[in-house]
Protein backbone atom coordinates (compact mmCIF):
# COMPACT_ATOMS: atom_id res chain seq x y z
CA UNK A 1 -0.12 -0.20 -0.06
CA UNK A 2 1.56 3.29 -1.01
CA UNK A 3 0.71 6.72 0.45
CA UNK A 4 1.25 10.21 -1.63
CA UNK A 5 3.49 12.31 0.63
CA UNK A 6 4.42 14.47 -1.73
CA UNK A 7 1.03 16.37 -2.13
CA UNK A 8 -1.26 18.09 0.82
CA UNK A 9 -0.52 18.16 3.95
CA UNK A 10 1.22 14.34 5.46
CA UNK A 11 0.69 15.82 8.86
CA UNK A 12 -2.57 16.87 9.05
CA UNK A 13 -4.40 14.45 11.21
CA UNK A 14 -6.90 13.73 8.60
CA UNK A 15 -4.23 12.51 6.28
CA UNK A 16 -2.73 9.77 8.58
CA UNK A 17 -6.20 9.14 9.84
CA UNK A 18 -6.72 7.72 6.21
CA UNK A 19 -3.92 6.15 5.64
CA UNK A 20 -4.09 3.90 9.28
CA UNK A 21 -7.38 2.74 7.92
CA UNK A 22 -6.13 1.80 4.49
CA UNK A 23 -3.59 -0.12 6.32
CA UNK A 24 -6.27 -1.66 8.53
CA UNK A 25 -7.96 -3.31 5.09
CA UNK A 26 -4.41 -4.16 3.78
CA UNK A 27 -3.46 -6.06 6.98
CA UNK A 28 -6.97 -7.95 7.30
CA UNK A 29 -6.91 -8.83 4.03
CA UNK A 30 -3.27 -9.96 3.96
CA UNK A 31 -4.09 -12.19 7.23
CA UNK A 32 -6.68 -13.81 5.71
CA UNK A 33 -4.45 -14.72 2.47
CA UNK A 34 -1.80 -16.44 4.89
CA UNK A 35 -4.46 -17.97 7.15
CA UNK A 36 -5.32 -20.30 4.22
CA UNK A 37 -1.96 -22.16 4.47
CA UNK A 38 -0.87 -24.23 7.62
CA UNK A 39 1.95 -22.94 9.74
CA UNK A 40 5.13 -24.36 7.79
CA UNK A 41 7.42 -23.61 10.39
CA UNK A 42 10.29 -24.74 8.54
CA UNK A 43 10.24 -21.41 6.38
CA UNK A 44 11.08 -19.33 9.63
CA UNK A 45 14.09 -21.85 10.98
CA UNK A 46 17.49 -20.34 10.07
CA UNK A 47 19.46 -22.82 7.96
CA UNK A 48 16.68 -25.07 7.40
CA UNK A 49 17.32 -25.25 3.72
CA UNK A 50 20.13 -26.43 2.20
CA UNK A 51 19.68 -24.92 -1.35
CA UNK A 52 20.29 -21.57 0.56
CA UNK A 53 22.99 -22.98 2.50
CA UNK A 54 24.59 -23.59 -0.88
CA UNK A 55 24.13 -19.77 -2.12
CA UNK A 56 26.14 -18.73 1.16
CA UNK A 57 22.94 -17.51 3.07
CA UNK A 58 22.41 -18.67 6.75
CA UNK A 59 19.10 -17.15 7.34
CA UNK A 60 15.15 -18.38 7.26
CA UNK A 61 13.36 -18.82 4.53
CA UNK A 62 11.52 -15.71 5.38
CA UNK A 63 14.55 -13.51 5.88
CA UNK A 64 15.77 -14.55 2.57
CA UNK A 65 12.37 -13.70 0.77
CA UNK A 66 12.88 -10.28 2.60
CA UNK A 67 16.23 -9.72 1.43
CA UNK A 68 15.63 -10.39 -2.25
CA UNK A 69 12.13 -8.33 -2.24
CA UNK A 70 13.50 -5.65 -0.64
CA UNK A 71 16.66 -5.18 -2.57
CA UNK A 72 14.38 -5.16 -5.70
CA UNK A 73 11.98 -2.55 -3.74
CA UNK A 74 15.02 -0.35 -2.61
CA UNK A 75 16.66 -0.33 -6.66
CA UNK A 76 12.93 1.15 -6.91
CA UNK A 77 13.42 3.76 -4.74
CA UNK A 78 10.56 2.77 -1.96
CA UNK A 79 12.82 3.02 1.22
CA UNK A 80 13.61 6.80 0.29
CA UNK A 81 10.03 7.16 1.32
CA UNK A 82 9.73 8.76 4.60
CA UNK A 83 7.19 6.17 5.85
CA UNK A 84 8.59 2.97 4.75
CA UNK A 85 11.44 0.76 6.58
CA UNK A 86 13.09 -2.16 5.29
CA UNK A 87 13.71 -5.36 7.45
CA UNK A 88 17.28 -5.89 5.53
CA UNK A 89 20.21 -3.96 6.17
CA UNK A 90 22.70 -3.61 3.16
CA UNK A 91 20.41 -3.07 0.35
CA UNK A 92 21.64 -1.34 -2.88
CA UNK A 93 20.85 2.50 -3.82
CA UNK A 94 18.07 2.98 -5.89
CA UNK A 95 18.22 2.99 -10.01
CA UNK A 96 15.36 5.68 -10.24
CA UNK A 97 16.20 9.05 -9.20
CA UNK A 98 15.05 10.23 -6.06
CA UNK A 99 11.57 11.95 -5.46
CA UNK A 100 11.52 15.25 -3.50
CA UNK A 101 9.88 14.63 -0.44
CA UNK A 102 9.10 17.88 1.73
CA UNK A 103 11.10 18.00 5.33
CA UNK A 104 8.22 16.03 7.32
CA UNK A 105 10.04 13.78 10.49
CA UNK A 106 12.99 15.03 12.37
CA UNK A 107 16.21 13.13 12.06
CA UNK A 108 15.72 9.81 13.99
CA UNK A 109 16.80 6.35 13.36
CA UNK A 110 14.16 4.54 15.19
CA UNK A 111 13.12 1.02 13.54
CA UNK A 112 10.97 -1.46 15.36
CA UNK A 113 10.85 -3.81 12.30
CA UNK A 114 13.07 -6.44 14.65
CA UNK A 115 10.56 -6.38 17.10
CA UNK A 116 7.81 -6.96 14.51
CA UNK A 117 9.45 -9.77 12.68
CA UNK A 118 9.99 -11.48 16.22
CA UNK A 119 6.53 -11.31 17.11
CA UNK A 120 5.15 -12.13 14.20
CA UNK A 121 6.87 -15.66 13.97
CA UNK A 122 6.42 -16.50 17.28
CA UNK A 123 2.97 -15.52 17.87
CA UNK A 124 0.94 -14.24 14.74
CA UNK A 125 1.70 -17.24 12.40
CA UNK A 126 0.94 -19.90 15.17
CA UNK A 127 -2.60 -18.32 16.00
CA UNK A 128 -3.73 -17.28 12.23
CA UNK A 129 -2.73 -20.65 10.90
CA UNK A 130 -4.25 -23.10 13.61
CA UNK A 131 -7.38 -23.88 11.46
CA UNK A 132 -5.40 -24.66 8.35
CA UNK A 133 -2.82 -26.66 10.09
CA UNK A 134 -5.48 -28.71 12.03
CA UNK A 135 -7.12 -29.01 8.52
CA UNK A 136 -4.08 -30.36 7.34
CA UNK A 137 -3.73 -33.02 9.76
CA UNK A 138 -7.11 -34.37 9.83
CA UNK A 139 -6.29 -34.92 5.57
CA UNK A 140 -2.82 -36.46 6.61
CA UNK A 141 -4.09 -39.27 9.58
CA UNK A 142 -7.12 -40.08 6.24
CA UNK A 143 -3.66 -40.91 4.32
CA UNK A 144 -2.24 -42.78 7.23
CA UNK A 145 0.54 -39.73 8.47
CA UNK A 146 0.20 -39.69 12.34
CA UNK A 147 2.06 -38.40 15.05
CA UNK A 148 4.32 -35.60 14.68
CA UNK A 149 4.44 -35.78 10.72
CA UNK A 150 0.68 -34.72 10.36
CA UNK A 151 0.98 -31.50 11.87
CA UNK A 152 2.21 -27.64 10.36
CA UNK A 153 3.57 -28.55 7.04
CA UNK A 154 1.87 -28.12 3.57
CA UNK A 155 4.83 -27.47 1.62
CA UNK A 156 3.27 -24.07 0.42
CA UNK A 157 6.60 -22.24 1.15
CA UNK A 158 6.78 -19.69 -1.64
CA UNK A 159 3.20 -18.84 -1.20
CA UNK A 160 3.09 -18.77 2.55
CA UNK A 161 6.65 -16.31 2.48
CA UNK A 162 5.26 -14.16 -0.36
CA UNK A 163 2.00 -13.17 1.73
CA UNK A 164 4.28 -12.98 4.79
CA UNK A 165 6.44 -10.09 3.42
CA UNK A 166 3.44 -8.38 2.37
CA UNK A 167 2.10 -8.49 6.23
CA UNK A 168 5.22 -7.73 7.66
CA UNK A 169 5.55 -4.14 5.19
CA UNK A 170 1.80 -3.51 6.37
CA UNK A 171 2.44 -3.96 10.00
CA UNK A 172 6.03 -2.23 9.78
CA UNK A 173 4.37 0.83 8.10
CA UNK A 174 1.59 1.18 10.34
CA UNK A 175 3.51 0.62 13.50
CA UNK A 176 6.34 3.63 12.10
CA UNK A 177 3.38 5.92 10.99
CA UNK A 178 3.35 6.38 14.80
CA UNK A 179 5.82 9.07 13.80
CA UNK A 180 3.84 11.01 11.94
CA UNK A 181 1.31 11.31 14.76
CA UNK A 182 3.49 12.12 17.10
CA UNK A 183 5.30 15.17 14.61
CA UNK A 184 1.32 15.92 14.01
CA UNK A 185 0.97 16.73 18.08
CA UNK A 186 4.12 18.42 19.03
CA UNK A 187 4.39 20.74 16.26
CA UNK A 188 0.00 21.54 17.42
CA UNK A 189 1.86 22.41 21.05
CA UNK A 190 5.47 21.88 21.46
CA UNK A 191 4.94 23.43 25.00
CA UNK A 192 3.02 20.76 26.49
CA UNK A 193 5.81 18.07 24.95
CA UNK A 194 8.94 19.72 25.70
CA UNK A 195 9.16 19.41 29.78
CA UNK A 196 8.89 15.82 29.38
CA UNK A 197 11.44 15.56 26.95
CA UNK A 198 13.97 17.58 28.55
CA UNK A 199 13.21 15.76 31.75
CA UNK A 200 12.44 12.17 30.04
CA UNK A 201 8.96 11.16 31.30
CA UNK A 202 7.68 8.24 29.18
CA UNK A 203 4.50 7.97 31.03
CA UNK A 204 3.73 11.78 30.71
CA UNK A 205 4.71 11.67 27.09
CA UNK A 206 2.25 8.40 26.43
CA UNK A 207 -0.40 10.29 28.37
CA UNK A 208 -0.24 13.24 26.05
CA UNK A 209 -0.48 10.58 22.71
CA UNK A 210 -3.15 8.51 23.95
CA UNK A 211 -6.98 9.09 23.29
CA UNK A 212 -8.69 6.04 24.94
CA UNK A 213 -11.52 6.72 22.60
CA UNK A 214 -10.06 6.79 19.64
CA UNK A 215 -8.42 3.44 20.17
CA UNK A 216 -12.06 1.77 21.19
CA UNK A 217 -13.54 3.10 18.07
CA UNK A 218 -10.88 1.64 16.53
CA UNK A 219 -11.02 -2.04 17.74
CA UNK A 220 -14.86 -1.63 17.18
CA UNK A 221 -14.40 -0.74 13.53
CA UNK A 222 -11.54 -3.39 13.22
CA UNK A 223 -13.77 -6.35 14.70
CA UNK A 224 -16.74 -5.50 12.25
CA UNK A 225 -14.16 -5.41 9.20
CA UNK A 226 -12.33 -8.66 10.16
CA UNK A 227 -15.66 -10.10 10.78
CA UNK A 228 -17.40 -9.17 7.49
CA UNK A 229 -14.18 -9.45 5.22
CA UNK A 230 -13.77 -13.27 7.02
CA UNK A 231 -17.14 -14.43 5.35
CA UNK A 232 -17.89 -15.75 2.42
CA UNK A 233 -20.55 -13.68 0.61
CA UNK A 234 -23.12 -14.49 -1.55
CA UNK A 235 -23.65 -11.92 -3.97
CA UNK A 236 -26.38 -13.28 -5.83
CA UNK A 237 -29.38 -10.88 -5.87
CA UNK A 238 -32.27 -11.80 -3.62
CA UNK A 239 -35.71 -12.02 -5.98
CA UNK A 240 -37.60 -14.25 -3.54
CA UNK A 241 -40.62 -13.19 -2.15
CA UNK A 242 -40.38 -14.44 1.62
CA UNK A 243 -36.57 -12.96 1.80
CA UNK A 244 -34.96 -16.15 1.93
CA UNK A 245 -32.08 -16.64 -1.05
CA UNK A 246 -30.89 -19.83 -2.62
CA UNK A 247 -28.49 -20.72 -0.19
CA UNK A 248 -31.48 -20.84 2.73
CA UNK A 249 -30.35 -17.84 4.56
CA UNK A 250 -32.86 -14.93 5.03
CA UNK A 251 -31.54 -11.84 3.29
CA UNK A 252 -31.09 -8.74 5.30
CA UNK A 253 -31.94 -6.40 2.84
CA UNK A 254 -28.58 -5.94 1.01
CA UNK A 255 -27.70 -7.64 -2.29
CA UNK A 256 -25.76 -10.34 -0.75
CA UNK A 257 -25.76 -12.50 2.25
CA UNK A 258 -23.66 -14.68 4.30
CA UNK A 259 -23.30 -18.07 2.82
CA UNK A 260 -25.25 -20.77 4.97
CA UNK A 261 -22.74 -23.01 6.85
CA UNK A 262 -19.59 -21.33 5.69
CA UNK A 263 -16.58 -20.99 8.26
CA UNK A 264 -15.22 -17.62 8.34
CA UNK A 265 -11.18 -17.31 7.04
CA UNK A 266 -10.04 -16.25 10.03
CA UNK A 267 -9.98 -16.07 13.62
CA UNK A 268 -11.74 -12.29 14.39
CA UNK A 269 -10.61 -12.32 17.81
CA UNK A 270 -6.90 -12.87 17.01
CA UNK A 271 -6.84 -9.73 14.41
CA UNK A 272 -8.50 -7.87 17.16
CA UNK A 273 -6.25 -9.12 19.75
CA UNK A 274 -2.83 -8.22 17.23
CA UNK A 275 -4.12 -4.59 17.18
CA UNK A 276 -4.84 -4.49 20.79
CA UNK A 277 -1.98 -6.05 22.67
CA UNK A 278 0.86 -5.66 19.97
CA UNK A 279 0.25 -3.14 17.12
CA UNK A 280 -1.39 -0.22 19.24
CA UNK A 281 1.04 -0.51 21.97
CA UNK A 282 4.31 -0.97 19.92
CA UNK A 283 3.32 1.95 17.47
CA UNK A 284 2.89 4.01 21.16
CA UNK A 285 6.47 2.84 22.02
CA UNK A 286 7.43 4.26 18.61
CA UNK A 287 5.49 7.60 18.97
CA UNK A 288 7.10 7.98 22.24
CA UNK A 289 10.86 7.17 21.41
CA UNK A 290 10.26 9.79 18.82
CA UNK A 291 9.27 12.20 20.79
CA UNK A 292 12.20 11.25 23.36
CA UNK A 293 14.63 12.46 20.29
CA UNK A 294 12.54 15.27 18.97
CA UNK A 295 14.83 17.89 20.34
CA UNK A 296 18.06 16.18 19.99
CA UNK A 297 20.76 18.60 18.48
CA UNK A 298 18.71 21.56 18.96
CA UNK A 299 20.32 24.96 20.76
CA UNK A 300 18.96 26.15 23.76
CA UNK A 301 17.65 29.11 21.89
CA UNK A 302 15.79 26.64 19.01
CA UNK A 303 14.26 25.02 22.05
CA UNK A 304 12.97 28.30 23.50
CA UNK A 305 11.38 29.43 20.68
CA UNK A 306 9.53 26.11 20.05
CA UNK A 307 8.64 26.32 23.58
CA UNK A 308 6.88 29.98 23.19
CA UNK A 309 4.96 29.05 20.30
CA UNK A 310 1.20 28.81 20.71
CA UNK A 311 -0.59 25.37 21.21
CA UNK A 312 -3.84 27.06 19.57
């Protein structure tokens, strides 16, 4: 998912909100795509593929996929954009000439991707693939494969890792967009933040950027989206007089309905928990870390000028 930072005001709360809402859709749809495959833990184990070791690469299959994908993206100047952060270091320079982005964020080196990658592999993947893994085990038992060999691996290493990369990039963008939130709120009222930056107070800075009602509405919206996207919908029009469509499901007055007896493509609670327990807290960490370095390199006069800026 791309956002245009060269037009309009990229620090307006309206712009930031629109980006974050679009990212919700991207993350949910990508998680649904990944949930169709089993866990496939081998692709997350370093050194598990002899073919990669023969190439001199000692990392995991997913790390190799990230490296190869991000190498191409770097050449296409993806990571010159201030809202994009690679998981791979030592990437090549862009082939395309640079775009002229406005100065948006204060210079910083905050990158939460190592934490995102670790959490994704250790927590998100086992949870969202649980149903596919159990279905795989059942099909293997029918074929006489039992015990440890019946679980986890369906062999779709390329397809699974391709989606993994998309999920990781979307989560990374969402988390690091916290910097835009912090910069916007800081510029709106610098005097509210500066005392807690000069005398570092993480809790007070977090209190200043936290909006419980906004978070509550976000989680409600996210649950509604995940519940809708996770269903198979019958989009055939309801032409019956009694309000029952061809699948035997009562129509709700729209042009389609949930297919009778279909199971959700992904566990909705898992998607909501991902945001509530991880994405939102990690985004706050990035926001606070950014603020703590917001005055780095500024003179006392510079800080005083900021401090006297109106918070109106």
